[in-house]
Structures are given as C-alpha cells and as structure tokens.
Amino acid sequence: MADKVPLSVLLPDRLDSMAERVKSKMCEDEQVGGMKLAWGFVGTEIFNALKSVLDCDLLEILAKGWAQASVLADFADSGRHPPGERSVVELGAHDVSRELHPVIAITVGSCPCVELKFTFTVTANIGGVRLSILDGHIIGGDLGEAWAAGQLSYEGMPLHSAANSKKIGLPGEFGFTSPGIAIPRIGLAA
C-alpha cells in the first residue's frame, strides 16, 4: 500500500505575501500595531503551522468525496450487501475539488487571540479509480493516472499564483485504516 500523501505537499515552498497579509490583519488591534515585531518570522511560523494543520491524508480527503457518490449508496445497506461481502466499484475519469478551512490562532503578548481563517482548495484530476468496499466502508483502491494541486487563500485573496501551485502525481494503490471511509446511507430508509 502507498504511504500517506499529506495535503501540505501541495503548498509552494514559500509564501512571501503571508507576512504582509498577517501584519495587516493583526495590526487592526492597536496594541499589536504599536509593537515592533519580526513580521517575516511571524509569517514563517504561521506558514509552518499551516503545513502542520494540512498534514492530513490527501487520499482520505478524496475518498470522503467518493463516498458521497450516489453509485456507492447501496453499499451502505447491509440488506443489499451483507457483512463480510467485499466489492470493487470502478469510477471513471473525473475531477474532484474540495475546500478546507484551516484556522490558525495567534496570540501576541497580552493582546487578544486573533484567528486567521484560510481556504485551501484541493483539485484532483482522476483518470479512473477502483474502490474496494467492505461493510459499507471504502477500505482502499487503485488509481489510474491521477494528479492533484492546491491553492491557499486568505480572505478571498490567493497567497500564491496558480502557476506556483505544486502539482503532484498520486500513488496507484492505497488503503485506509480499518474500518475505512464510511459510505453514508444516502436516500436509504434508516
């Protein structure tokens, strides 16, 4: 099975505009605005915190989207697919886009905490995927040709150009820790 692919690998190596945007937001507080801070250092620390927050598995994020596909809804019904039954479902070529909203809380001295809410948009182009399903959960799969890219924004403004977004290939075979990614019972009687 493939190793975890963290979302953070989609970030560019540097975000030069981070310090200025953070400084602008934080200086709205008069106490912070009057302080002499090393804003480049603050920006670097926030960038490192974002990378840490985005250390979740990209394939797991994609699988949560696949689990919502109506073609998989029947697999959540144990009457149609009894416990222990293994199934393989193939999804053709498709694009997936998900928005995540990491929040970084910053405290400077005795000033009130400032929460910075970012938007991280992940876009994946999937040439096809076979999903292994067991007991209403996606337990793994096999990707055809696939790549992903990410875009980080703050207050609706991109922090890097689309051209600087990293684009990575995704591994072919993958698996998830038991029980896997739950398939919701969409449109099924509870």
N, C-alpha and C. Protein backbone atom coordinates (compact mmCIF):
# COMPACT_ATOMS: atom_id res chain seq x y z
N MET A 1 0.83 -1.19 0.00
CA MET A 1 0.00 0.00 0.00
C MET A 1 0.88 1.25 0.00
N ALA A 2 0.35 2.31 -0.57
CA ALA A 2 1.09 3.58 -0.67
C ALA A 2 1.15 4.27 0.69
N ASP A 3 2.21 5.05 0.86
CA ASP A 3 2.32 5.86 2.06
C ASP A 3 1.31 7.00 1.99
N LYS A 4 1.01 7.55 3.14
CA LYS A 4 0.12 8.71 3.23
C LYS A 4 0.69 9.86 2.40
N VAL A 5 -0.18 10.54 1.68
CA VAL A 5 0.22 11.73 0.91
C VAL A 5 -0.38 12.94 1.64
N PRO A 6 0.44 13.70 2.39
CA PRO A 6 -0.12 14.83 3.15
C PRO A 6 -0.52 15.98 2.23
N LEU A 7 -1.62 16.64 2.57
CA LEU A 7 -2.07 17.80 1.80
C LEU A 7 -0.99 18.88 1.73
N SER A 8 -0.17 18.96 2.75
CA SER A 8 0.84 20.02 2.81
C SER A 8 1.83 19.97 1.65
N VAL A 9 2.00 18.82 0.99
CA VAL A 9 2.93 18.76 -0.14
C VAL A 9 2.43 19.59 -1.33
N LEU A 10 1.16 19.99 -1.31
CA LEU A 10 0.61 20.81 -2.39
C LEU A 10 0.91 22.30 -2.22
N LEU A 11 1.43 22.68 -1.05
CA LEU A 11 1.78 24.08 -0.81
C LEU A 11 3.09 24.41 -1.52
N PRO A 12 3.24 25.66 -1.97
CA PRO A 12 4.55 26.06 -2.51
C PRO A 12 5.59 26.06 -1.40
N ASP A 13 6.85 26.12 -1.78
CA ASP A 13 7.92 26.11 -0.78
C ASP A 13 7.93 27.36 0.08
N ARG A 14 7.46 28.48 -0.47
CA ARG A 14 7.44 29.76 0.25
C ARG A 14 6.16 30.51 -0.06
N LEU A 15 5.74 31.31 0.90
CA LEU A 15 4.61 32.21 0.71
C LEU A 15 5.06 33.60 1.12
N ASP A 16 5.67 34.32 0.21
CA ASP A 16 6.25 35.62 0.53
C ASP A 16 5.21 36.64 0.97
N SER A 17 3.98 36.52 0.49
CA SER A 17 2.95 37.52 0.83
C SER A 17 2.30 37.25 2.19
N MET A 18 2.63 36.13 2.80
CA MET A 18 1.99 35.75 4.07
C MET A 18 2.24 36.80 5.16
N ALA A 19 3.47 37.23 5.35
CA ALA A 19 3.80 38.15 6.44
C ALA A 19 3.05 39.46 6.31
N GLU A 20 2.96 40.03 5.12
CA GLU A 20 2.27 41.30 4.94
C GLU A 20 0.77 41.17 5.21
N ARG A 21 0.17 40.11 4.74
CA ARG A 21 -1.28 39.92 4.96
C ARG A 21 -1.58 39.72 6.44
N VAL A 22 -0.75 38.93 7.11
CA VAL A 22 -0.94 38.69 8.54
C VAL A 22 -0.72 39.99 9.32
N LYS A 23 0.33 40.73 8.97
CA LYS A 23 0.60 42.00 9.64
C LYS A 23 -0.59 42.94 9.51
N SER A 24 -1.15 43.06 8.32
CA SER A 24 -2.30 43.93 8.08
C SER A 24 -3.48 43.54 8.97
N LYS A 25 -3.75 42.24 9.05
CA LYS A 25 -4.89 41.77 9.86
C LYS A 25 -4.62 42.00 11.35
N MET A 26 -3.43 41.62 11.80
CA MET A 26 -3.14 41.70 13.23
C MET A 26 -3.00 43.14 13.71
N CYS A 27 -2.55 44.05 12.84
CA CYS A 27 -2.37 45.44 13.24
C CYS A 27 -3.71 46.19 13.36
N GLU A 28 -4.82 45.52 13.05
CA GLU A 28 -6.13 46.10 13.31
C GLU A 28 -6.31 46.32 14.81
N ASP A 29 -5.61 45.50 15.62
CA ASP A 29 -5.58 45.69 17.06
C ASP A 29 -4.50 46.74 17.36
N GLU A 30 -4.87 47.86 17.98
CA GLU A 30 -3.93 48.95 18.22
C GLU A 30 -2.72 48.52 19.02
N GLN A 31 -2.92 47.62 20.00
CA GLN A 31 -1.79 47.16 20.81
C GLN A 31 -0.76 46.45 19.93
N VAL A 32 -1.23 45.57 19.05
CA VAL A 32 -0.32 44.83 18.18
C VAL A 32 0.32 45.80 17.18
N GLY A 33 -0.48 46.72 16.65
CA GLY A 33 0.01 47.68 15.67
C GLY A 33 1.16 48.53 16.20
N GLY A 34 1.17 48.76 17.51
CA GLY A 34 2.23 49.56 18.13
C GLY A 34 3.48 48.77 18.47
N MET A 35 3.43 47.47 18.32
CA MET A 35 4.59 46.62 18.66
C MET A 35 5.55 46.52 17.48
N LYS A 36 6.79 46.37 17.81
CA LYS A 36 7.80 46.11 16.78
C LYS A 36 8.02 44.60 16.75
N LEU A 37 7.48 43.97 15.72
CA LEU A 37 7.59 42.52 15.60
C LEU A 37 8.35 42.14 14.34
N ALA A 38 8.97 41.00 14.36
CA ALA A 38 9.66 40.46 13.18
C ALA A 38 8.60 39.76 12.33
N TRP A 39 7.93 40.54 11.46
CA TRP A 39 6.78 40.01 10.72
C TRP A 39 7.17 38.87 9.77
N GLY A 40 8.37 38.91 9.23
CA GLY A 40 8.83 37.80 8.39
C GLY A 40 8.86 36.50 9.19
N PHE A 41 9.35 36.59 10.43
CA PHE A 41 9.38 35.43 11.31
C PHE A 41 7.97 34.97 11.65
N VAL A 42 7.09 35.92 11.97
CA VAL A 42 5.69 35.58 12.28
C VAL A 42 5.05 34.87 11.08
N GLY A 43 5.28 35.40 9.87
CA GLY A 43 4.74 34.78 8.66
C GLY A 43 5.26 33.37 8.46
N THR A 44 6.55 33.17 8.71
CA THR A 44 7.15 31.83 8.58
C THR A 44 6.54 30.86 9.59
N GLU A 45 6.34 31.32 10.82
CA GLU A 45 5.75 30.46 11.85
C GLU A 45 4.30 30.08 11.48
N ILE A 46 3.56 31.03 10.93
CA ILE A 46 2.19 30.73 10.53
C ILE A 46 2.18 29.74 9.37
N PHE A 47 3.09 29.93 8.41
CA PHE A 47 3.21 29.00 7.29
C PHE A 47 3.54 27.60 7.79
N ASN A 48 4.46 27.49 8.75
CA ASN A 48 4.80 26.18 9.32
C ASN A 48 3.61 25.57 10.05
N ALA A 49 2.83 26.41 10.75
CA ALA A 49 1.63 25.91 11.43
C ALA A 49 0.61 25.41 10.41
N LEU A 50 0.46 26.13 9.28
CA LEU A 50 -0.46 25.68 8.22
C LEU A 50 -0.02 24.33 7.66
N LYS A 51 1.28 24.17 7.43
CA LYS A 51 1.78 22.88 6.92
C LYS A 51 1.45 21.77 7.90
N SER A 52 1.57 22.07 9.19
CA SER A 52 1.26 21.07 10.21
C SER A 52 -0.23 20.71 10.21
N VAL A 53 -1.09 21.74 10.10
CA VAL A 53 -2.54 21.51 10.07
C VAL A 53 -2.93 20.71 8.83
N LEU A 54 -2.23 20.94 7.73
CA LEU A 54 -2.54 20.27 6.47
C LEU A 54 -1.76 18.96 6.32
N ASP A 55 -1.41 18.35 7.41
CA ASP A 55 -0.69 17.09 7.39
C ASP A 55 -1.65 15.90 7.31
N CYS A 56 -2.89 16.14 6.91
CA CYS A 56 -3.86 15.05 6.77
C CYS A 56 -3.72 14.41 5.39
N ASP A 57 -4.24 13.20 5.24
CA ASP A 57 -4.04 12.40 4.04
C ASP A 57 -4.92 12.85 2.88
N LEU A 58 -4.28 13.24 1.79
CA LEU A 58 -4.98 13.68 0.59
C LEU A 58 -5.92 12.60 0.06
N LEU A 59 -5.48 11.35 0.03
CA LEU A 59 -6.34 10.27 -0.49
C LEU A 59 -7.56 10.06 0.40
N GLU A 60 -7.41 10.27 1.70
CA GLU A 60 -8.56 10.16 2.60
C GLU A 60 -9.57 11.28 2.31
N ILE A 61 -9.09 12.48 2.05
CA ILE A 61 -9.96 13.60 1.69
C ILE A 61 -10.71 13.27 0.40
N LEU A 62 -10.00 12.73 -0.60
CA LEU A 62 -10.64 12.36 -1.86
C LEU A 62 -11.66 11.25 -1.64
N ALA A 63 -11.32 10.27 -0.81
CA ALA A 63 -12.23 9.15 -0.56
C ALA A 63 -13.52 9.61 0.12
N LYS A 64 -13.43 10.62 0.97
CA LYS A 64 -14.64 11.14 1.60
C LYS A 64 -15.56 11.75 0.55
N GLY A 65 -14.99 12.31 -0.50
CA GLY A 65 -15.79 12.79 -1.63
C GLY A 65 -16.38 11.64 -2.42
N TRP A 66 -15.57 10.62 -2.70
CA TRP A 66 -16.07 9.45 -3.44
C TRP A 66 -17.19 8.76 -2.68
N ALA A 67 -17.09 8.72 -1.35
CA ALA A 67 -18.12 8.06 -0.54
C ALA A 67 -19.49 8.70 -0.72
N GLN A 68 -19.52 9.96 -1.13
CA GLN A 68 -20.78 10.68 -1.34
C GLN A 68 -21.43 10.35 -2.68
N ALA A 69 -20.71 9.65 -3.57
CA ALA A 69 -21.25 9.34 -4.90
C ALA A 69 -22.48 8.44 -4.78
N SER A 70 -23.53 8.80 -5.49
CA SER A 70 -24.79 8.05 -5.39
C SER A 70 -24.62 6.59 -5.82
N VAL A 71 -23.67 6.32 -6.70
CA VAL A 71 -23.45 4.95 -7.15
C VAL A 71 -22.97 4.04 -6.00
N LEU A 72 -22.45 4.63 -4.93
CA LEU A 72 -21.98 3.83 -3.79
C LEU A 72 -23.01 3.70 -2.67
N ALA A 73 -24.11 4.43 -2.74
CA ALA A 73 -25.09 4.46 -1.64
C ALA A 73 -25.60 3.07 -1.26
N ASP A 74 -25.83 2.20 -2.24
CA ASP A 74 -26.34 0.86 -1.95
C ASP A 74 -25.39 0.05 -1.06
N PHE A 75 -24.10 0.36 -1.11
CA PHE A 75 -23.12 -0.42 -0.35
C PHE A 75 -23.20 -0.12 1.14
N ALA A 76 -23.92 0.93 1.54
CA ALA A 76 -24.14 1.23 2.95
C ALA A 76 -25.32 0.44 3.51
N ASP A 77 -26.06 -0.24 2.64
CA ASP A 77 -27.25 -1.02 3.04
C ASP A 77 -26.84 -2.47 3.25
N SER A 78 -26.80 -2.90 4.52
CA SER A 78 -26.38 -4.27 4.83
C SER A 78 -27.38 -5.30 4.33
N GLY A 79 -28.61 -4.88 3.99
CA GLY A 79 -29.58 -5.80 3.39
C GLY A 79 -29.21 -6.16 1.97
N ARG A 80 -28.62 -5.23 1.26
CA ARG A 80 -28.21 -5.47 -0.13
C ARG A 80 -26.79 -6.02 -0.22
N HIS A 81 -25.97 -5.65 0.74
CA HIS A 81 -24.57 -6.08 0.77
C HIS A 81 -24.26 -6.54 2.19
N PRO A 82 -24.44 -7.83 2.46
CA PRO A 82 -24.31 -8.34 3.83
C PRO A 82 -22.89 -8.19 4.39
N PRO A 83 -22.78 -8.16 5.73
CA PRO A 83 -21.48 -8.05 6.38
C PRO A 83 -20.50 -9.10 5.83
N GLY A 84 -19.27 -8.65 5.62
CA GLY A 84 -18.23 -9.54 5.12
C GLY A 84 -18.12 -9.58 3.61
N GLU A 85 -19.12 -9.06 2.90
CA GLU A 85 -19.08 -9.06 1.44
C GLU A 85 -18.09 -7.98 0.98
N ARG A 86 -17.18 -8.39 0.10
CA ARG A 86 -16.21 -7.45 -0.49
C ARG A 86 -16.67 -7.13 -1.89
N SER A 87 -16.58 -5.85 -2.24
CA SER A 87 -16.98 -5.41 -3.58
C SER A 87 -15.91 -4.48 -4.14
N VAL A 88 -15.85 -4.43 -5.45
CA VAL A 88 -14.98 -3.49 -6.14
C VAL A 88 -15.86 -2.69 -7.08
N VAL A 89 -15.77 -1.36 -6.96
CA VAL A 89 -16.56 -0.46 -7.79
C VAL A 89 -15.59 0.43 -8.56
N GLU A 90 -15.84 0.57 -9.84
CA GLU A 90 -14.97 1.40 -10.67
C GLU A 90 -15.69 2.71 -10.99
N LEU A 91 -14.99 3.82 -10.74
CA LEU A 91 -15.47 5.14 -11.12
C LEU A 91 -14.59 5.62 -12.27
N GLY A 92 -15.19 6.09 -13.32
CA GLY A 92 -14.44 6.56 -14.50
C GLY A 92 -13.71 7.86 -14.23
N ALA A 93 -13.16 8.41 -15.29
CA ALA A 93 -12.41 9.66 -15.19
C ALA A 93 -13.29 10.77 -14.62
N HIS A 94 -12.74 11.56 -13.72
CA HIS A 94 -13.49 12.66 -13.10
C HIS A 94 -12.53 13.62 -12.41
N ASP A 95 -13.03 14.80 -12.12
CA ASP A 95 -12.29 15.80 -11.34
C ASP A 95 -12.96 15.92 -9.98
N VAL A 96 -12.16 16.17 -8.98
CA VAL A 96 -12.66 16.36 -7.62
C VAL A 96 -12.06 17.66 -7.10
N SER A 97 -12.89 18.49 -6.48
CA SER A 97 -12.41 19.71 -5.86
C SER A 97 -13.02 19.80 -4.47
N ARG A 98 -12.18 20.03 -3.48
CA ARG A 98 -12.65 20.16 -2.09
C ARG A 98 -12.04 21.41 -1.49
N GLU A 99 -12.82 22.10 -0.67
CA GLU A 99 -12.34 23.26 0.06
C GLU A 99 -12.20 22.90 1.52
N LEU A 100 -11.06 23.22 2.09
CA LEU A 100 -10.82 23.04 3.51
C LEU A 100 -10.57 24.43 4.10
N HIS A 101 -10.88 24.59 5.38
CA HIS A 101 -10.76 25.90 6.01
C HIS A 101 -9.93 25.82 7.30
N PRO A 102 -8.60 25.71 7.16
CA PRO A 102 -7.76 25.69 8.37
C PRO A 102 -7.78 27.05 9.07
N VAL A 103 -7.75 27.01 10.39
CA VAL A 103 -7.75 28.22 11.21
C VAL A 103 -6.50 28.19 12.09
N ILE A 104 -5.75 29.28 12.06
CA ILE A 104 -4.56 29.41 12.90
C ILE A 104 -4.85 30.52 13.92
N ALA A 105 -4.71 30.19 15.21
CA ALA A 105 -4.92 31.16 16.28
C ALA A 105 -3.57 31.73 16.71
N ILE A 106 -3.49 33.06 16.78
CA ILE A 106 -2.23 33.74 17.12
C ILE A 106 -2.46 34.63 18.32
N THR A 107 -1.55 34.53 19.27
CA THR A 107 -1.57 35.41 20.43
C THR A 107 -0.22 36.11 20.51
N VAL A 108 -0.24 37.43 20.63
CA VAL A 108 0.99 38.21 20.77
C VAL A 108 0.90 38.92 22.11
N GLY A 109 1.82 38.54 23.01
CA GLY A 109 1.85 39.15 24.33
C GLY A 109 0.51 39.02 25.03
N SER A 110 0.03 40.12 25.60
CA SER A 110 -1.24 40.09 26.33
C SER A 110 -2.43 40.47 25.44
N CYS A 111 -2.18 40.63 24.14
CA CYS A 111 -3.26 41.01 23.21
C CYS A 111 -4.20 39.83 23.00
N PRO A 112 -5.46 40.14 22.69
CA PRO A 112 -6.43 39.06 22.47
C PRO A 112 -6.01 38.18 21.28
N CYS A 113 -6.39 36.96 21.37
CA CYS A 113 -6.09 35.98 20.32
C CYS A 113 -6.76 36.41 19.01
N VAL A 114 -6.02 36.27 17.91
CA VAL A 114 -6.54 36.56 16.58
C VAL A 114 -6.60 35.24 15.83
N GLU A 115 -7.76 34.92 15.27
CA GLU A 115 -7.89 33.70 14.48
C GLU A 115 -7.86 34.06 13.00
N LEU A 116 -6.95 33.43 12.27
CA LEU A 116 -6.82 33.64 10.83
C LEU A 116 -7.42 32.42 10.13
N LYS A 117 -8.45 32.66 9.32
CA LYS A 117 -9.12 31.57 8.62
C LYS A 117 -8.66 31.57 7.16
N PHE A 118 -8.09 30.46 6.76
CA PHE A 118 -7.59 30.29 5.40
C PHE A 118 -8.54 29.38 4.62
N THR A 119 -8.43 29.42 3.32
CA THR A 119 -9.14 28.48 2.45
C THR A 119 -8.09 27.76 1.64
N PHE A 120 -8.15 26.44 1.69
CA PHE A 120 -7.23 25.60 0.91
C PHE A 120 -8.08 24.77 -0.04
N THR A 121 -7.95 25.07 -1.33
CA THR A 121 -8.72 24.35 -2.34
C THR A 121 -7.83 23.29 -2.97
N VAL A 122 -8.29 22.06 -2.89
CA VAL A 122 -7.58 20.93 -3.48
C VAL A 122 -8.34 20.51 -4.73
N THR A 123 -7.62 20.40 -5.83
CA THR A 123 -8.22 19.95 -7.09
C THR A 123 -7.46 18.70 -7.53
N ALA A 124 -8.21 17.66 -7.84
CA ALA A 124 -7.59 16.42 -8.31
C ALA A 124 -8.23 16.02 -9.63
N ASN A 125 -7.40 15.55 -10.54
CA ASN A 125 -7.86 15.03 -11.82
C ASN A 125 -7.58 13.53 -11.76
N ILE A 126 -8.65 12.75 -11.80
CA ILE A 126 -8.55 11.31 -11.63
C ILE A 126 -8.87 10.64 -12.97
N GLY A 127 -7.95 9.84 -13.48
CA GLY A 127 -8.16 9.13 -14.73
C GLY A 127 -9.06 7.92 -14.56
N GLY A 128 -9.43 7.60 -13.35
CA GLY A 128 -10.28 6.46 -13.01
C GLY A 128 -9.81 5.88 -11.69
N VAL A 129 -10.70 5.26 -10.96
CA VAL A 129 -10.36 4.66 -9.68
C VAL A 129 -11.21 3.42 -9.46
N ARG A 130 -10.59 2.38 -8.91
CA ARG A 130 -11.32 1.20 -8.45
C ARG A 130 -11.31 1.25 -6.93
N LEU A 131 -12.48 1.19 -6.33
CA LEU A 131 -12.60 1.27 -4.88
C LEU A 131 -12.96 -0.09 -4.31
N SER A 132 -12.26 -0.50 -3.26
CA SER A 132 -12.58 -1.73 -2.53
C SER A 132 -13.50 -1.36 -1.39
N ILE A 133 -14.61 -2.09 -1.30
CA ILE A 133 -15.63 -1.76 -0.30
C ILE A 133 -15.92 -2.99 0.55
N LEU A 134 -16.00 -2.78 1.85
CA LEU A 134 -16.31 -3.84 2.81
C LEU A 134 -17.15 -3.25 3.92
N ASP A 135 -18.29 -3.86 4.19
CA ASP A 135 -19.16 -3.45 5.30
C ASP A 135 -19.50 -1.96 5.28
N GLY A 136 -19.85 -1.44 4.10
CA GLY A 136 -20.27 -0.05 3.98
C GLY A 136 -19.15 0.97 4.10
N HIS A 137 -17.91 0.54 3.90
CA HIS A 137 -16.75 1.42 4.01
C HIS A 137 -15.82 1.22 2.82
N ILE A 138 -15.24 2.33 2.35
CA ILE A 138 -14.18 2.23 1.35
C ILE A 138 -12.92 1.87 2.13
N ILE A 139 -12.33 0.72 1.80
CA ILE A 139 -11.15 0.28 2.55
C ILE A 139 -9.85 0.48 1.78
N GLY A 140 -9.96 0.83 0.50
CA GLY A 140 -8.77 1.07 -0.30
C GLY A 140 -9.15 1.19 -1.75
N GLY A 141 -8.14 1.14 -2.60
CA GLY A 141 -8.42 1.24 -4.01
C GLY A 141 -7.17 1.28 -4.85
N ASP A 142 -7.40 1.56 -6.11
CA ASP A 142 -6.32 1.61 -7.09
C ASP A 142 -6.66 2.73 -8.07
N LEU A 143 -5.76 3.70 -8.17
CA LEU A 143 -5.96 4.85 -9.05
C LEU A 143 -5.31 4.62 -10.40
N GLY A 144 -5.98 5.11 -11.43
CA GLY A 144 -5.33 5.20 -12.72
C GLY A 144 -4.43 6.43 -12.68
N GLU A 145 -4.22 7.05 -13.80
CA GLU A 145 -3.41 8.26 -13.83
C GLU A 145 -4.13 9.35 -13.04
N ALA A 146 -3.42 9.97 -12.13
CA ALA A 146 -4.06 10.98 -11.27
C ALA A 146 -3.03 12.01 -10.81
N TRP A 147 -3.49 13.25 -10.65
CA TRP A 147 -2.66 14.31 -10.10
C TRP A 147 -3.52 15.24 -9.25
N ALA A 148 -2.86 16.00 -8.41
CA ALA A 148 -3.58 16.95 -7.55
C ALA A 148 -2.77 18.23 -7.44
N ALA A 149 -3.47 19.33 -7.20
CA ALA A 149 -2.84 20.63 -6.97
C ALA A 149 -3.62 21.35 -5.87
N GLY A 150 -3.01 22.35 -5.26
CA GLY A 150 -3.67 23.08 -4.18
C GLY A 150 -3.50 24.58 -4.33
N GLN A 151 -4.46 25.33 -3.77
CA GLN A 151 -4.40 26.79 -3.79
C GLN A 151 -4.78 27.29 -2.40
N LEU A 152 -3.89 28.03 -1.76
CA LEU A 152 -4.14 28.58 -0.44
C LEU A 152 -4.52 30.05 -0.56
N SER A 153 -5.61 30.43 0.10
CA SER A 153 -6.09 31.81 0.08
C SER A 153 -6.34 32.29 1.50
N TYR A 154 -6.29 33.61 1.65
CA TYR A 154 -6.64 34.24 2.90
C TYR A 154 -7.56 35.41 2.59
N GLU A 155 -8.73 35.44 3.21
CA GLU A 155 -9.75 36.46 2.97
C GLU A 155 -10.03 36.63 1.47
N GLY A 156 -10.14 35.50 0.79
CA GLY A 156 -10.50 35.50 -0.63
C GLY A 156 -9.37 35.85 -1.58
N MET A 157 -8.19 36.13 -1.05
CA MET A 157 -7.05 36.50 -1.89
C MET A 157 -6.04 35.34 -1.90
N PRO A 158 -5.71 34.84 -3.11
CA PRO A 158 -4.71 33.77 -3.18
C PRO A 158 -3.37 34.23 -2.61
N LEU A 159 -2.71 33.33 -1.89
CA LEU A 159 -1.41 33.63 -1.30
C LEU A 159 -0.26 33.22 -2.23
N HIS A 160 -0.60 32.62 -3.35
CA HIS A 160 0.40 32.27 -4.36
C HIS A 160 -0.32 32.13 -5.68
N SER A 161 0.41 32.34 -6.75
CA SER A 161 -0.22 32.24 -8.06
C SER A 161 -0.49 30.78 -8.39
N ALA A 162 -1.48 30.55 -9.23
CA ALA A 162 -1.82 29.19 -9.63
C ALA A 162 -0.62 28.50 -10.25
N ALA A 163 0.22 29.26 -10.94
CA ALA A 163 1.41 28.70 -11.58
C ALA A 163 2.39 28.16 -10.54
N ASN A 164 2.33 28.70 -9.31
CA ASN A 164 3.24 28.23 -8.26
C ASN A 164 2.65 27.10 -7.44
N SER A 165 1.41 26.70 -7.73
CA SER A 165 0.82 25.57 -7.03
C SER A 165 1.60 24.33 -7.39
N LYS A 166 1.91 23.54 -6.41
CA LYS A 166 2.58 22.28 -6.70
C LYS A 166 1.55 21.31 -7.28
N LYS A 167 1.98 20.56 -8.25
CA LYS A 167 1.13 19.55 -8.87
C LYS A 167 1.84 18.22 -8.67
N ILE A 168 1.20 17.29 -7.97
CA ILE A 168 1.87 16.03 -7.68
C ILE A 168 1.07 14.87 -8.27
N GLY A 169 1.79 13.83 -8.65
CA GLY A 169 1.15 12.59 -9.07
C GLY A 169 0.70 11.83 -7.83
N LEU A 170 -0.36 11.08 -7.95
CA LEU A 170 -0.87 10.31 -6.82
C LEU A 170 -0.49 8.85 -6.99
N PRO A 171 -0.28 8.15 -5.87
CA PRO A 171 0.11 6.74 -5.95
C PRO A 171 -1.02 5.88 -6.51
N GLY A 172 -0.67 4.75 -7.11
CA GLY A 172 -1.67 3.86 -7.70
C GLY A 172 -2.52 3.17 -6.66
N GLU A 173 -1.91 2.38 -5.80
CA GLU A 173 -2.67 1.58 -4.84
C GLU A 173 -2.66 2.29 -3.48
N PHE A 174 -3.81 2.24 -2.78
CA PHE A 174 -3.90 2.88 -1.47
C PHE A 174 -4.84 2.10 -0.58
N GLY A 175 -4.72 2.29 0.71
CA GLY A 175 -5.60 1.64 1.69
C GLY A 175 -5.85 2.57 2.86
N PHE A 176 -6.88 2.26 3.63
CA PHE A 176 -7.24 3.07 4.80
C PHE A 176 -7.29 2.18 6.03
N THR A 177 -7.00 2.77 7.17
CA THR A 177 -7.08 2.07 8.44
C THR A 177 -8.52 1.61 8.67
N SER A 178 -8.67 0.39 9.17
CA SER A 178 -9.99 -0.19 9.43
C SER A 178 -10.77 0.69 10.40
N PRO A 179 -12.02 0.95 10.18
CA PRO A 179 -12.91 0.27 9.23
C PRO A 179 -12.91 0.90 7.84
N GLY A 180 -12.17 2.00 7.62
CA GLY A 180 -12.16 2.67 6.33
C GLY A 180 -13.00 3.93 6.34
N ILE A 181 -13.34 4.41 5.15
CA ILE A 181 -14.13 5.63 4.99
C ILE A 181 -15.60 5.23 4.85
N ALA A 182 -16.44 5.69 5.77
CA ALA A 182 -17.85 5.30 5.78
C ALA A 182 -18.59 5.86 4.56
N ILE A 183 -19.43 5.01 3.99
CA ILE A 183 -20.32 5.43 2.91
C ILE A 183 -21.66 5.77 3.56
N PRO A 184 -22.11 7.01 3.44
CA PRO A 184 -23.38 7.40 4.09
C PRO A 184 -24.57 6.71 3.45
N ARG A 185 -25.61 6.56 4.21
CA ARG A 185 -26.84 5.91 3.73
C ARG A 185 -27.71 6.95 3.02
N ILE A 186 -27.24 7.46 1.90
CA ILE A 186 -27.95 8.48 1.14
C ILE A 186 -29.25 7.90 0.57
N GLY A 187 -30.36 8.52 0.91
CA GLY A 187 -31.65 8.13 0.34
C GLY A 187 -32.15 6.77 0.78
N LEU A 188 -31.51 6.16 1.76
CA LEU A 188 -31.96 4.85 2.25
C LEU A 188 -32.73 5.05 3.55
N ALA A 189 -33.75 4.25 3.74
CA ALA A 189 -34.52 4.32 4.99
C ALA A 189 -33.64 3.89 6.14
N ALA A 190 -33.68 4.62 7.23
CA ALA A 190 -32.83 4.31 8.39
C ALA A 190 -33.34 3.12 9.15
